[in-house]
Amino acid sequence: MTDVSTTQRRKLSPRERLAIFERAGGVCCCCGGKIEAGDGWIVEHPTALGLGGSDDRGELRPAHKACADAKTYGPDGDLATIARAKRRKAKHLGIRKPSRFPCSRDSRWKKRMDGSVVLRD
């Protein structure tokens, strides 16, 4: 499995944002609708950086703010997919979260059959 680290996002100048908008013809990359004057829009990565997407200027697309939020924060959005991929990778590599449950095997305390709690040997 390859390690997909989080890529730092670079700041875009107004000139770069305008170039991205004009290159796409003012069309939202998520819904395909026209971005009208006064509509809130952002520059979106078609493939999320956390899923191995690129931060190249040629890969960036304009998207309505509402469409981008649905793509990122929705039930099957990018954040949920990234978290799922990280959990699967950790499970595949045998990394598990330690149990914090009292009297579990990772605890210094042990619960006996009679209900008393004692320190482990």
PDB file of N, CA and C in Angstrom:
ATOM      1  N   MET A   1       0.845  -1.176   0.000  1.00  0.00           N
ATOM      2  CA  MET A   1       0.000   0.000   0.000  1.00  0.00           C
ATOM      3  C   MET A   1       0.886   1.234   0.000  1.00  0.00           C
ATOM      4  N   THR A   2       0.559   2.157  -0.837  1.00  0.00           N
ATOM      5  CA  THR A   2       1.334   3.384  -0.879  1.00  0.00           C
ATOM      6  C   THR A   2       0.808   4.356   0.161  1.00  0.00           C
ATOM      7  N   ASP A   3       1.718   5.138   0.684  1.00  0.00           N
ATOM      8  CA  ASP A   3       1.338   6.116   1.696  1.00  0.00           C
ATOM      9  C   ASP A   3       0.841   7.373   0.999  1.00  0.00           C
ATOM     10  N   VAL A   4      -0.384   7.742   1.277  1.00  0.00           N
ATOM     11  CA  VAL A   4      -0.959   8.967   0.722  1.00  0.00           C
ATOM     12  C   VAL A   4      -0.979   9.987   1.839  1.00  0.00           C
ATOM     13  N   SER A   5       0.000  10.866   1.819  1.00  0.00           N
ATOM     14  CA  SER A   5       0.059  11.881   2.865  1.00  0.00           C
ATOM     15  C   SER A   5      -0.742  13.097   2.426  1.00  0.00           C
ATOM     16  N   THR A   6      -1.077  13.914   3.382  1.00  0.00           N
ATOM     17  CA  THR A   6      -1.841  15.115   3.085  1.00  0.00           C
ATOM     18  C   THR A   6      -0.917  16.152   2.466  1.00  0.00           C
ATOM     19  N   THR A   7      -1.290  16.640   1.313  1.00  0.00           N
ATOM     20  CA  THR A   7      -0.513  17.646   0.607  1.00  0.00           C
ATOM     21  C   THR A   7      -0.950  19.021   1.085  1.00  0.00           C
ATOM     22  N   GLN A   8       0.010  19.868   1.357  1.00  0.00           N
ATOM     23  CA  GLN A   8      -0.315  21.232   1.748  1.00  0.00           C
ATOM     24  C   GLN A   8      -0.908  21.968   0.554  1.00  0.00           C
ATOM     25  N   ARG A   9      -2.012  22.633   0.780  1.00  0.00           N
ATOM     26  CA  ARG A   9      -2.650  23.399  -0.283  1.00  0.00           C
ATOM     27  C   ARG A   9      -1.927  24.731  -0.449  1.00  0.00           C
ATOM     28  N   ARG A  10      -1.701  25.096  -1.689  1.00  0.00           N
ATOM     29  CA  ARG A  10      -1.038  26.363  -1.957  1.00  0.00           C
ATOM     30  C   ARG A  10      -2.078  27.466  -2.092  1.00  0.00           C
ATOM     31  N   LYS A  11      -1.712  28.652  -1.696  1.00  0.00           N
ATOM     32  CA  LYS A  11      -2.605  29.805  -1.826  1.00  0.00           C
ATOM     33  C   LYS A  11      -2.692  30.200  -3.295  1.00  0.00           C
ATOM     34  N   LEU A  12      -3.883  30.601  -3.697  1.00  0.00           N
ATOM     35  CA  LEU A  12      -4.094  31.055  -5.068  1.00  0.00           C
ATOM     36  C   LEU A  12      -4.254  32.567  -5.085  1.00  0.00           C
ATOM     37  N   SER A  13      -3.613  33.186  -6.052  1.00  0.00           N
ATOM     38  CA  SER A  13      -3.786  34.629  -6.217  1.00  0.00           C
ATOM     39  C   SER A  13      -5.089  34.865  -6.980  1.00  0.00           C
ATOM     40  N   PRO A  14      -5.634  36.076  -6.918  1.00  0.00           N
ATOM     41  CA  PRO A  14      -6.846  36.376  -7.700  1.00  0.00           C
ATOM     42  C   PRO A  14      -6.657  36.123  -9.200  1.00  0.00           C
ATOM     43  N   ARG A  15      -5.475  36.359  -9.700  1.00  0.00           N
ATOM     44  CA  ARG A  15      -5.198  36.119 -11.124  1.00  0.00           C
ATOM     45  C   ARG A  15      -5.279  34.622 -11.444  1.00  0.00           C
ATOM     46  N   GLU A  16      -4.749  33.789 -10.558  1.00  0.00           N
ATOM     47  CA  GLU A  16      -4.813  32.338 -10.773  1.00  0.00           C
ATOM     48  C   GLU A  16      -6.253  31.831 -10.671  1.00  0.00           C
ATOM     49  N   ARG A  17      -7.023  32.360  -9.719  1.00  0.00           N
ATOM     50  CA  ARG A  17      -8.433  31.964  -9.592  1.00  0.00           C
ATOM     51  C   ARG A  17      -9.209  32.327 -10.861  1.00  0.00           C
ATOM     52  N   LEU A  18      -8.941  33.508 -11.401  1.00  0.00           N
ATOM     53  CA  LEU A  18      -9.606  33.935 -12.629  1.00  0.00           C
ATOM     54  C   LEU A  18      -9.229  33.024 -13.796  1.00  0.00           C
ATOM     55  N   ALA A  19      -7.951  32.646 -13.889  1.00  0.00           N
ATOM     56  CA  ALA A  19      -7.510  31.763 -14.973  1.00  0.00           C
ATOM     57  C   ALA A  19      -8.195  30.400 -14.879  1.00  0.00           C
ATOM     58  N   ILE A  20      -8.339  29.864 -13.665  1.00  0.00           N
ATOM     59  CA  ILE A  20      -9.012  28.576 -13.471  1.00  0.00           C
ATOM     60  C   ILE A  20     -10.483  28.692 -13.860  1.00  0.00           C
ATOM     61  N   PHE A  21     -11.121  29.786 -13.457  1.00  0.00           N
ATOM     62  CA  PHE A  21     -12.532  30.009 -13.780  1.00  0.00           C
ATOM     63  C   PHE A  21     -12.744  30.100 -15.294  1.00  0.00           C
ATOM     64  N   GLU A  22     -11.894  30.867 -15.976  1.00  0.00           N
ATOM     65  CA  GLU A  22     -12.042  31.044 -17.422  1.00  0.00           C
ATOM     66  C   GLU A  22     -11.708  29.772 -18.187  1.00  0.00           C
ATOM     67  N   ARG A  23     -10.730  29.010 -17.726  1.00  0.00           N
ATOM     68  CA  ARG A  23     -10.363  27.761 -18.392  1.00  0.00           C
ATOM     69  C   ARG A  23     -11.529  26.771 -18.374  1.00  0.00           C
ATOM     70  N   ALA A  24     -12.297  26.770 -17.274  1.00  0.00           N
ATOM     71  CA  ALA A  24     -13.444  25.868 -17.155  1.00  0.00           C
ATOM     72  C   ALA A  24     -14.696  26.449 -17.798  1.00  0.00           C
ATOM     73  N   GLY A  25     -14.633  27.673 -18.265  1.00  0.00           N
ATOM     74  CA  GLY A  25     -15.789  28.293 -18.896  1.00  0.00           C
ATOM     75  C   GLY A  25     -16.877  28.665 -17.911  1.00  0.00           C
ATOM     76  N   GLY A  26     -16.531  28.794 -16.634  1.00  0.00           N
ATOM     77  CA  GLY A  26     -17.513  29.174 -15.620  1.00  0.00           C
ATOM     78  C   GLY A  26     -18.502  28.078 -15.291  1.00  0.00           C
ATOM     79  N   VAL A  27     -18.118  26.814 -15.532  1.00  0.00           N
ATOM     80  CA  VAL A  27     -19.005  25.678 -15.279  1.00  0.00           C
ATOM     81  C   VAL A  27     -18.551  24.964 -14.006  1.00  0.00           C
ATOM     82  N   CYS A  28     -19.505  24.661 -13.134  1.00  0.00           N
ATOM     83  CA  CYS A  28     -19.224  23.959 -11.879  1.00  0.00           C
ATOM     84  C   CYS A  28     -18.773  22.530 -12.183  1.00  0.00           C
ATOM     85  N   CYS A  29     -17.685  22.100 -11.564  1.00  0.00           N
ATOM     86  CA  CYS A  29     -17.173  20.748 -11.811  1.00  0.00           C
ATOM     87  C   CYS A  29     -18.011  19.679 -11.118  1.00  0.00           C
ATOM     88  N   CYS A  30     -18.819  20.047 -10.146  1.00  0.00           N
ATOM     89  CA  CYS A  30     -19.624  19.062  -9.408  1.00  0.00           C
ATOM     90  C   CYS A  30     -20.982  18.829 -10.063  1.00  0.00           C
ATOM     91  N   CYS A  31     -21.703  19.908 -10.358  1.00  0.00           N
ATOM     92  CA  CYS A  31     -23.067  19.764 -10.883  1.00  0.00           C
ATOM     93  C   CYS A  31     -23.170  20.050 -12.374  1.00  0.00           C
ATOM     94  N   GLY A  32     -22.162  20.675 -12.959  1.00  0.00           N
ATOM     95  CA  GLY A  32     -22.203  20.998 -14.380  1.00  0.00           C
ATOM     96  C   GLY A  32     -22.988  22.254 -14.700  1.00  0.00           C
ATOM     97  N   GLY A  33     -23.491  22.936 -13.679  1.00  0.00           N
ATOM     98  CA  GLY A  33     -24.255  24.163 -13.886  1.00  0.00           C
ATOM     99  C   GLY A  33     -23.351  25.364 -14.078  1.00  0.00           C
ATOM    100  N   LYS A  34     -23.905  26.390 -14.670  1.00  0.00           N
ATOM    101  CA  LYS A  34     -23.163  27.625 -14.906  1.00  0.00           C
ATOM    102  C   LYS A  34     -23.047  28.407 -13.601  1.00  0.00           C
ATOM    103  N   ILE A  35     -21.864  28.920 -13.314  1.00  0.00           N
ATOM    104  CA  ILE A  35     -21.651  29.753 -12.135  1.00  0.00           C
ATOM    105  C   ILE A  35     -21.930  31.193 -12.556  1.00  0.00           C
ATOM    106  N   GLU A  36     -23.002  31.745 -12.028  1.00  0.00           N
ATOM    107  CA  GLU A  36     -23.429  33.094 -12.397  1.00  0.00           C
ATOM    108  C   GLU A  36     -22.693  34.128 -11.545  1.00  0.00           C
ATOM    109  N   ALA A  37     -22.729  35.371 -12.005  1.00  0.00           N
ATOM    110  CA  ALA A  37     -22.135  36.466 -11.247  1.00  0.00           C
ATOM    111  C   ALA A  37     -22.862  36.587  -9.910  1.00  0.00           C
ATOM    112  N   GLY A  38     -22.126  36.682  -8.846  1.00  0.00           N
ATOM    113  CA  GLY A  38     -22.717  36.790  -7.512  1.00  0.00           C
ATOM    114  C   GLY A  38     -22.868  35.455  -6.809  1.00  0.00           C
ATOM    115  N   ASP A  39     -22.754  34.335  -7.542  1.00  0.00           N
ATOM    116  CA  ASP A  39     -22.804  33.016  -6.900  1.00  0.00           C
ATOM    117  C   ASP A  39     -21.500  32.786  -6.140  1.00  0.00           C
ATOM    118  N   GLY A  40     -21.613  32.183  -4.980  1.00  0.00           N
ATOM    119  CA  GLY A  40     -20.411  31.830  -4.238  1.00  0.00           C
ATOM    120  C   GLY A  40     -19.750  30.617  -4.879  1.00  0.00           C
ATOM    121  N   TRP A  41     -18.453  30.706  -5.144  1.00  0.00           N
ATOM    122  CA  TRP A  41     -17.749  29.569  -5.721  1.00  0.00           C
ATOM    123  C   TRP A  41     -16.361  29.468  -5.122  1.00  0.00           C
ATOM    124  N   ILE A  42     -15.816  28.272  -5.175  1.00  0.00           N
ATOM    125  CA  ILE A  42     -14.461  28.028  -4.687  1.00  0.00           C
ATOM    126  C   ILE A  42     -13.713  27.217  -5.735  1.00  0.00           C
ATOM    127  N   VAL A  43     -12.426  27.098  -5.553  1.00  0.00           N
ATOM    128  CA  VAL A  43     -11.607  26.252  -6.413  1.00  0.00           C
ATOM    129  C   VAL A  43     -11.545  24.879  -5.752  1.00  0.00           C
ATOM    130  N   GLU A  44     -11.910  23.857  -6.495  1.00  0.00           N
ATOM    131  CA  GLU A  44     -12.060  22.503  -5.959  1.00  0.00           C
ATOM    132  C   GLU A  44     -11.071  21.556  -6.637  1.00  0.00           C
ATOM    133  N   HIS A  45     -10.586  20.576  -5.873  1.00  0.00           N
ATOM    134  CA  HIS A  45      -9.778  19.491  -6.429  1.00  0.00           C
ATOM    135  C   HIS A  45     -10.736  18.377  -6.849  1.00  0.00           C
ATOM    136  N   PRO A  46     -10.756  17.964  -8.118  1.00  0.00           N
ATOM    137  CA  PRO A  46     -11.662  16.880  -8.521  1.00  0.00           C
ATOM    138  C   PRO A  46     -11.423  15.601  -7.719  1.00  0.00           C
ATOM    139  N   THR A  47     -10.166  15.245  -7.503  1.00  0.00           N
ATOM    140  CA  THR A  47      -9.816  14.128  -6.628  1.00  0.00           C
ATOM    141  C   THR A  47      -9.204  14.731  -5.375  1.00  0.00           C
ATOM    142  N   ALA A  48      -9.750  14.401  -4.226  1.00  0.00           N
ATOM    143  CA  ALA A  48      -9.288  14.990  -2.965  1.00  0.00           C
ATOM    144  C   ALA A  48      -7.800  14.724  -2.755  1.00  0.00           C
ATOM    145  N   LEU A  49      -7.116  15.692  -2.173  1.00  0.00           N
ATOM    146  CA  LEU A  49      -5.688  15.528  -1.911  1.00  0.00           C
ATOM    147  C   LEU A  49      -5.432  14.352  -0.974  1.00  0.00           C
ATOM    148  N   GLY A  50      -6.326  14.126  -0.020  1.00  0.00           N
ATOM    149  CA  GLY A  50      -6.179  13.013   0.914  1.00  0.00           C
ATOM    150  C   GLY A  50      -6.375  11.658   0.269  1.00  0.00           C
ATOM    151  N   LEU A  51      -6.907  11.643  -0.951  1.00  0.00           N
ATOM    152  CA  LEU A  51      -7.093  10.392  -1.691  1.00  0.00           C
ATOM    153  C   LEU A  51      -6.081  10.255  -2.820  1.00  0.00           C
ATOM    154  N   GLY A  52      -5.030  11.065  -2.760  1.00  0.00           N
ATOM    155  CA  GLY A  52      -3.968  10.962  -3.758  1.00  0.00           C
ATOM    156  C   GLY A  52      -4.100  11.945  -4.906  1.00  0.00           C
ATOM    157  N   GLY A  53      -4.980  12.920  -4.789  1.00  0.00           N
ATOM    158  CA  GLY A  53      -5.144  13.926  -5.837  1.00  0.00           C
ATOM    159  C   GLY A  53      -3.936  14.844  -5.915  1.00  0.00           C
ATOM    160  N   SER A  54      -3.852  15.563  -7.012  1.00  0.00           N
ATOM    161  CA  SER A  54      -2.724  16.449  -7.254  1.00  0.00           C
ATOM    162  C   SER A  54      -3.112  17.896  -6.953  1.00  0.00           C
ATOM    163  N   ASP A  55      -2.130  18.687  -6.540  1.00  0.00           N
ATOM    164  CA  ASP A  55      -2.358  20.110  -6.278  1.00  0.00           C
ATOM    165  C   ASP A  55      -1.861  20.961  -7.451  1.00  0.00           C
ATOM    166  N   ASP A  56      -1.704  20.331  -8.619  1.00  0.00           N
ATOM    167  CA  ASP A  56      -1.274  21.066  -9.804  1.00  0.00           C
ATOM    168  C   ASP A  56      -2.353  22.053 -10.221  1.00  0.00           C
ATOM    169  N   ARG A  57      -1.933  23.170 -10.766  1.00  0.00           N
ATOM    170  CA  ARG A  57      -2.875  24.202 -11.195  1.00  0.00           C
ATOM    171  C   ARG A  57      -3.804  23.679 -12.297  1.00  0.00           C
ATOM    172  N   GLY A  58      -3.328  22.775 -13.132  1.00  0.00           N
ATOM    173  CA  GLY A  58      -4.143  22.242 -14.213  1.00  0.00           C
ATOM    174  C   GLY A  58      -5.248  21.319 -13.740  1.00  0.00           C
ATOM    175  N   GLU A  59      -5.148  20.825 -12.517  1.00  0.00           N
ATOM    176  CA  GLU A  59      -6.145  19.901 -11.976  1.00  0.00           C
ATOM    177  C   GLU A  59      -7.282  20.610 -11.247  1.00  0.00           C
ATOM    178  N   LEU A  60      -7.134  21.883 -10.950  1.00  0.00           N
ATOM    179  CA  LEU A  60      -8.126  22.604 -10.158  1.00  0.00           C
ATOM    180  C   LEU A  60      -9.306  23.042 -11.019  1.00  0.00           C
ATOM    181  N   ARG A  61     -10.511  23.003 -10.434  1.00  0.00           N
ATOM    182  CA  ARG A  61     -11.735  23.358 -11.143  1.00  0.00           C
ATOM    183  C   ARG A  61     -12.604  24.246 -10.256  1.00  0.00           C
ATOM    184  N   PRO A  62     -13.413  25.137 -10.849  1.00  0.00           N
ATOM    185  CA  PRO A  62     -14.347  25.927 -10.040  1.00  0.00           C
ATOM    186  C   PRO A  62     -15.577  25.096  -9.681  1.00  0.00           C
ATOM    187  N   ALA A  63     -16.158  25.382  -8.522  1.00  0.00           N
ATOM    188  CA  ALA A  63     -17.370  24.684  -8.085  1.00  0.00           C
ATOM    189  C   ALA A  63     -18.200  25.633  -7.234  1.00  0.00           C
ATOM    190  N   HIS A  64     -19.534  25.492  -7.334  1.00  0.00           N
ATOM    191  CA  HIS A  64     -20.408  26.237  -6.433  1.00  0.00           C
ATOM    192  C   HIS A  64     -20.023  25.884  -5.003  1.00  0.00           C
ATOM    193  N   LYS A  65     -20.143  26.830  -4.108  1.00  0.00           N
ATOM    194  CA  LYS A  65     -19.809  26.586  -2.697  1.00  0.00           C
ATOM    195  C   LYS A  65     -20.674  25.465  -2.128  1.00  0.00           C
ATOM    196  N   ALA A  66     -21.973  25.475  -2.437  1.00  0.00           N
ATOM    197  CA  ALA A  66     -22.879  24.441  -1.919  1.00  0.00           C
ATOM    198  C   ALA A  66     -22.533  23.068  -2.496  1.00  0.00           C
ATOM    199  N   CYS A  67     -22.195  23.015  -3.779  1.00  0.00           N
ATOM    200  CA  CYS A  67     -21.833  21.734  -4.409  1.00  0.00           C
ATOM    201  C   CYS A  67     -20.541  21.188  -3.804  1.00  0.00           C
ATOM    202  N   ALA A  68     -19.560  22.070  -3.605  1.00  0.00           N
ATOM    203  CA  ALA A  68     -18.283  21.639  -3.037  1.00  0.00           C
ATOM    204  C   ALA A  68     -18.462  21.159  -1.602  1.00  0.00           C
ATOM    205  N   ASP A  69     -19.329  21.830  -0.830  1.00  0.00           N
ATOM    206  CA  ASP A  69     -19.585  21.391   0.544  1.00  0.00           C
ATOM    207  C   ASP A  69     -20.236  20.014   0.560  1.00  0.00           C
ATOM    208  N   ALA A  70     -21.174  19.766  -0.364  1.00  0.00           N
ATOM    209  CA  ALA A  70     -21.819  18.453  -0.438  1.00  0.00           C
ATOM    210  C   ALA A  70     -20.804  17.387  -0.836  1.00  0.00           C
ATOM    211  N   LYS A  71     -19.900  17.719  -1.752  1.00  0.00           N
ATOM    212  CA  LYS A  71     -18.872  16.771  -2.188  1.00  0.00           C
ATOM    213  C   LYS A  71     -17.899  16.465  -1.056  1.00  0.00           C
ATOM    214  N   THR A  72     -17.583  17.462  -0.250  1.00  0.00           N
ATOM    215  CA  THR A  72     -16.596  17.283   0.809  1.00  0.00           C
ATOM    216  C   THR A  72     -17.201  16.708   2.080  1.00  0.00           C
ATOM    217  N   TYR A  73     -18.316  17.272   2.535  1.00  0.00           N
ATOM    218  CA  TYR A  73     -18.858  16.931   3.849  1.00  0.00           C
ATOM    219  C   TYR A  73     -20.058  15.997   3.808  1.00  0.00           C
ATOM    220  N   GLY A  74     -20.524  15.606   2.638  1.00  0.00           N
ATOM    221  CA  GLY A  74     -21.702  14.753   2.521  1.00  0.00           C
ATOM    222  C   GLY A  74     -21.466  13.363   3.094  1.00  0.00           C
ATOM    223  N   PRO A  75     -22.526  12.542   3.196  1.00  0.00           N
ATOM    224  CA  PRO A  75     -22.393  11.201   3.774  1.00  0.00           C
ATOM    225  C   PRO A  75     -21.401  10.324   3.009  1.00  0.00           C
ATOM    226  N   ASP A  76     -21.324  10.480   1.709  1.00  0.00           N
ATOM    227  CA  ASP A  76     -20.349   9.738   0.908  1.00  0.00           C
ATOM    228  C   ASP A  76     -19.297  10.688   0.357  1.00  0.00           C
ATOM    229  N   GLY A  77     -19.041  11.764   1.086  1.00  0.00           N
ATOM    230  CA  GLY A  77     -18.127  12.799   0.626  1.00  0.00           C
ATOM    231  C   GLY A  77     -16.669  12.432   0.808  1.00  0.00           C
ATOM    232  N   ASP A  78     -15.826  13.385   0.448  1.00  0.00           N
ATOM    233  CA  ASP A  78     -14.386  13.162   0.482  1.00  0.00           C
ATOM    234  C   ASP A  78     -13.873  12.876   1.888  1.00  0.00           C
ATOM    235  N   LEU A  79     -14.352  13.608   2.889  1.00  0.00           N
ATOM    236  CA  LEU A  79     -13.850  13.396   4.251  1.00  0.00           C
ATOM    237  C   LEU A  79     -14.190  12.004   4.759  1.00  0.00           C
ATOM    238  N   ALA A  80     -15.401  11.531   4.476  1.00  0.00           N
ATOM    239  CA  ALA A  80     -15.790  10.185   4.896  1.00  0.00           C
ATOM    240  C   ALA A  80     -14.957   9.135   4.170  1.00  0.00           C
ATOM    241  N   THR A  81     -14.687   9.346   2.896  1.00  0.00           N
ATOM    242  CA  THR A  81     -13.898   8.401   2.112  1.00  0.00           C
ATOM    243  C   THR A  81     -12.454   8.375   2.589  1.00  0.00           C
ATOM    244  N   ILE A  82     -11.896   9.540   2.912  1.00  0.00           N
ATOM    245  CA  ILE A  82     -10.522   9.607   3.415  1.00  0.00           C
ATOM    246  C   ILE A  82     -10.415   8.889   4.755  1.00  0.00           C
ATOM    247  N   ALA A  83     -11.367   9.128   5.661  1.00  0.00           N
ATOM    248  CA  ALA A  83     -11.350   8.467   6.970  1.00  0.00           C
ATOM    249  C   ALA A  83     -11.474   6.955   6.806  1.00  0.00           C
ATOM    250  N   ARG A  84     -12.350   6.512   5.900  1.00  0.00           N
ATOM    251  CA  ARG A  84     -12.534   5.080   5.656  1.00  0.00           C
ATOM    252  C   ARG A  84     -11.242   4.460   5.119  1.00  0.00           C
ATOM    253  N   ALA A  85     -10.558   5.157   4.202  1.00  0.00           N
ATOM    254  CA  ALA A  85      -9.308   4.649   3.640  1.00  0.00           C
ATOM    255  C   ALA A  85      -8.230   4.540   4.714  1.00  0.00           C
ATOM    256  N   LYS A  86      -8.166   5.523   5.616  1.00  0.00           N
ATOM    257  CA  LYS A  86      -7.172   5.471   6.693  1.00  0.00           C
ATOM    258  C   LYS A  86      -7.460   4.326   7.658  1.00  0.00           C
ATOM    259  N   ARG A  87      -8.747   4.103   7.983  1.00  0.00           N
ATOM    260  CA  ARG A  87      -9.108   2.990   8.869  1.00  0.00           C
ATOM    261  C   ARG A  87      -8.759   1.651   8.236  1.00  0.00           C
ATOM    262  N   ARG A  88      -9.058   1.503   6.948  1.00  0.00           N
ATOM    263  CA  ARG A  88      -8.764   0.246   6.257  1.00  0.00           C
ATOM    264  C   ARG A  88      -7.267  -0.008   6.195  1.00  0.00           C
ATOM    265  N   LYS A  89      -6.497   1.042   5.941  1.00  0.00           N
ATOM    266  CA  LYS A  89      -5.045   0.888   5.875  1.00  0.00           C
ATOM    267  C   LYS A  89      -4.493   0.479   7.234  1.00  0.00           C
ATOM    268  N   ALA A  90      -4.966   1.121   8.304  1.00  0.00           N
ATOM    269  CA  ALA A  90      -4.495   0.779   9.649  1.00  0.00           C
ATOM    270  C   ALA A  90      -4.857  -0.661   9.991  1.00  0.00           C
ATOM    271  N   LYS A  91      -6.051  -1.097   9.632  1.00  0.00           N
ATOM    272  CA  LYS A  91      -6.461  -2.471   9.914  1.00  0.00           C
ATOM    273  C   LYS A  91      -5.620  -3.449   9.109  1.00  0.00           C
ATOM    274  N   HIS A  92      -5.342  -3.121   7.860  1.00  0.00           N
ATOM    275  CA  HIS A  92      -4.533  -3.977   7.002  1.00  0.00           C
ATOM    276  C   HIS A  92      -3.120  -4.143   7.564  1.00  0.00           C
ATOM    277  N   LEU A  93      -2.580  -3.073   8.133  1.00  0.00           N
ATOM    278  CA  LEU A  93      -1.226  -3.107   8.684  1.00  0.00           C
ATOM    279  C   LEU A  93      -1.181  -3.647  10.108  1.00  0.00           C
ATOM    280  N   GLY A  94      -2.337  -3.969  10.683  1.00  0.00           N
ATOM    281  CA  GLY A  94      -2.377  -4.539  12.028  1.00  0.00           C
ATOM    282  C   GLY A  94      -2.286  -3.512  13.132  1.00  0.00           C
ATOM    283  N   ILE A  95      -2.513  -2.260  12.812  1.00  0.00           N
ATOM    284  CA  ILE A  95      -2.474  -1.203  13.819  1.00  0.00           C
ATOM    285  C   ILE A  95      -3.862  -1.102  14.426  1.00  0.00           C
ATOM    286  N   ARG A  96      -3.942  -1.226  15.728  1.00  0.00           N
ATOM    287  CA  ARG A  96      -5.251  -1.122  16.356  1.00  0.00           C
ATOM    288  C   ARG A  96      -5.209  -0.078  17.451  1.00  0.00           C
ATOM    289  N   LYS A  97      -6.343   0.496  17.704  1.00  0.00           N
ATOM    290  CA  LYS A  97      -6.471   1.511  18.727  1.00  0.00           C
ATOM    291  C   LYS A  97      -6.515   0.810  20.079  1.00  0.00           C
ATOM    292  N   PRO A  98      -5.716   1.233  21.052  1.00  0.00           N
ATOM    293  CA  PRO A  98      -5.751   0.569  22.351  1.00  0.00           C
ATOM    294  C   PRO A  98      -7.086   0.775  23.053  1.00  0.00           C
ATOM    295  N   SER A  99      -7.530  -0.265  23.718  1.00  0.00           N
ATOM    296  CA  SER A  99      -8.805  -0.194  24.430  1.00  0.00           C
ATOM    297  C   SER A  99      -8.636   0.614  25.705  1.00  0.00           C
ATOM    298  N   ARG A 100      -9.534   1.508  25.956  1.00  0.00           N
ATOM    299  CA  ARG A 100      -9.504   2.310  27.175  1.00  0.00           C
ATOM    300  C   ARG A 100     -10.577   1.834  28.145  1.00  0.00           C
ATOM    301  N   PHE A 101     -11.173   0.702  27.860  1.00  0.00           N
ATOM    302  CA  PHE A 101     -12.232   0.174  28.698  1.00  0.00           C
ATOM    303  C   PHE A 101     -11.644  -0.268  30.035  1.00  0.00           C
ATOM    304  N   PRO A 102     -12.221   0.120  31.169  1.00  0.00           N
ATOM    305  CA  PRO A 102     -11.677  -0.269  32.471  1.00  0.00           C
ATOM    306  C   PRO A 102     -11.652  -1.786  32.625  1.00  0.00           C
ATOM    307  N   CYS A 103     -10.583  -2.287  33.158  1.00  0.00           N
ATOM    308  CA  CYS A 103     -10.374  -3.716  33.429  1.00  0.00           C
ATOM    309  C   CYS A 103     -10.216  -4.523  32.146  1.00  0.00           C
ATOM    310  N   SER A 104      -9.890  -3.881  31.044  1.00  0.00           N
ATOM    311  CA  SER A 104      -9.621  -4.630  29.819  1.00  0.00           C
ATOM    312  C   SER A 104      -8.199  -5.174  29.889  1.00  0.00           C
ATOM    313  N   ARG A 105      -7.780  -5.906  28.884  1.00  0.00           N
ATOM    314  CA  ARG A 105      -6.436  -6.497  28.905  1.00  0.00           C
ATOM    315  C   ARG A 105      -5.342  -5.442  28.882  1.00  0.00           C
ATOM    316  N   ASP A 106      -5.643  -4.257  28.363  1.00  0.00           N
ATOM    317  CA  ASP A 106      -4.650  -3.186  28.312  1.00  0.00           C
ATOM    318  C   ASP A 106      -4.587  -2.388  29.613  1.00  0.00           C
ATOM    319  N   SER A 107      -5.466  -2.673  30.540  1.00  0.00           N
ATOM    320  CA  SER A 107      -5.534  -1.942  31.803  1.00  0.00           C
ATOM    321  C   SER A 107      -4.621  -2.588  32.844  1.00  0.00           C
ATOM    322  N   ARG A 108      -4.215  -1.807  33.849  1.00  0.00           N
ATOM    323  CA  ARG A 108      -3.422  -2.377  34.945  1.00  0.00           C
ATOM    324  C   ARG A 108      -4.315  -3.106  35.926  1.00  0.00           C
ATOM    325  N   TRP A 109      -5.619  -2.917  35.797  1.00  0.00           N
ATOM    326  CA  TRP A 109      -6.558  -3.511  36.734  1.00  0.00           C
ATOM    327  C   TRP A 109      -7.190  -4.771  36.149  1.00  0.00           C
ATOM    328  N   LYS A 110      -7.532  -5.697  37.040  1.00  0.00           N
ATOM    329  CA  LYS A 110      -8.156  -6.946  36.632  1.00  0.00           C
ATOM    330  C   LYS A 110      -9.391  -7.158  37.490  1.00  0.00           C
ATOM    331  N   LYS A 111     -10.467  -7.589  36.870  1.00  0.00           N
ATOM    332  CA  LYS A 111     -11.694  -7.845  37.605  1.00  0.00           C
ATOM    333  C   LYS A 111     -11.813  -9.348  37.822  1.00  0.00           C
ATOM    334  N   ARG A 112     -11.994  -9.732  39.065  1.00  0.00           N
ATOM    335  CA  ARG A 112     -12.107 -11.156  39.391  1.00  0.00           C
ATOM    336  C   ARG A 112     -13.535 -11.634  39.256  1.00  0.00           C
ATOM    337  N   MET A 113     -13.712 -12.942  39.315  1.00  0.00           N
ATOM    338  CA  MET A 113     -15.028 -13.552  39.159  1.00  0.00           C
ATOM    339  C   MET A 113     -15.979 -13.147  40.285  1.00  0.00           C
ATOM    340  N   ASP A 114     -15.432 -12.863  41.475  1.00  0.00           N
ATOM    341  CA  ASP A 114     -16.301 -12.466  42.584  1.00  0.00           C
ATOM    342  C   ASP A 114     -16.683 -10.982  42.520  1.00  0.00           C
ATOM    343  N   GLY A 115     -16.179 -10.253  41.506  1.00  0.00           N
ATOM    344  CA  GLY A 115     -16.534  -8.853  41.328  1.00  0.00           C
ATOM    345  C   GLY A 115     -15.502  -7.885  41.878  1.00  0.00           C
ATOM    346  N   SER A 116     -14.510  -8.373  42.603  1.00  0.00           N
ATOM    347  CA  SER A 116     -13.486  -7.480  43.150  1.00  0.00           C
ATOM    348  C   SER A 116     -12.503  -7.080  42.047  1.00  0.00           C
ATOM    349  N   VAL A 117     -11.893  -5.910  42.233  1.00  0.00           N
ATOM    350  CA  VAL A 117     -10.942  -5.382  41.261  1.00  0.00           C
ATOM    351  C   VAL A 117      -9.580  -5.314  41.926  1.00  0.00           C
ATOM    352  N   VAL A 118      -8.569  -5.907  41.282  1.00  0.00           N
ATOM    353  CA  VAL A 118      -7.214  -5.944  41.839  1.00  0.00           C
ATOM    354  C   VAL A 118      -6.218  -5.546  40.756  1.00  0.00           C
ATOM    355  N   LEU A 119      -5.010  -5.185  41.195  1.00  0.00           N
ATOM    356  CA  LEU A 119      -3.941  -4.891  40.245  1.00  0.00           C
ATOM    357  C   LEU A 119      -3.483  -6.183  39.574  1.00  0.00           C
ATOM    358  N   ARG A 120      -3.113  -6.086  38.314  1.00  0.00           N
ATOM    359  CA  ARG A 120      -2.587  -7.264  37.607  1.00  0.00           C
ATOM    360  C   ARG A 120      -1.201  -7.598  38.134  1.00  0.00           C
ATOM    361  N   ASP A 121      -0.854  -8.847  38.041  1.00  0.00           N
ATOM    362  CA  ASP A 121       0.485  -9.299  38.484  1.00  0.00           C
ATOM    363  C   ASP A 121       1.531  -8.902  37.494  1.00  0.00           C
TER     364      ASP A 121
END
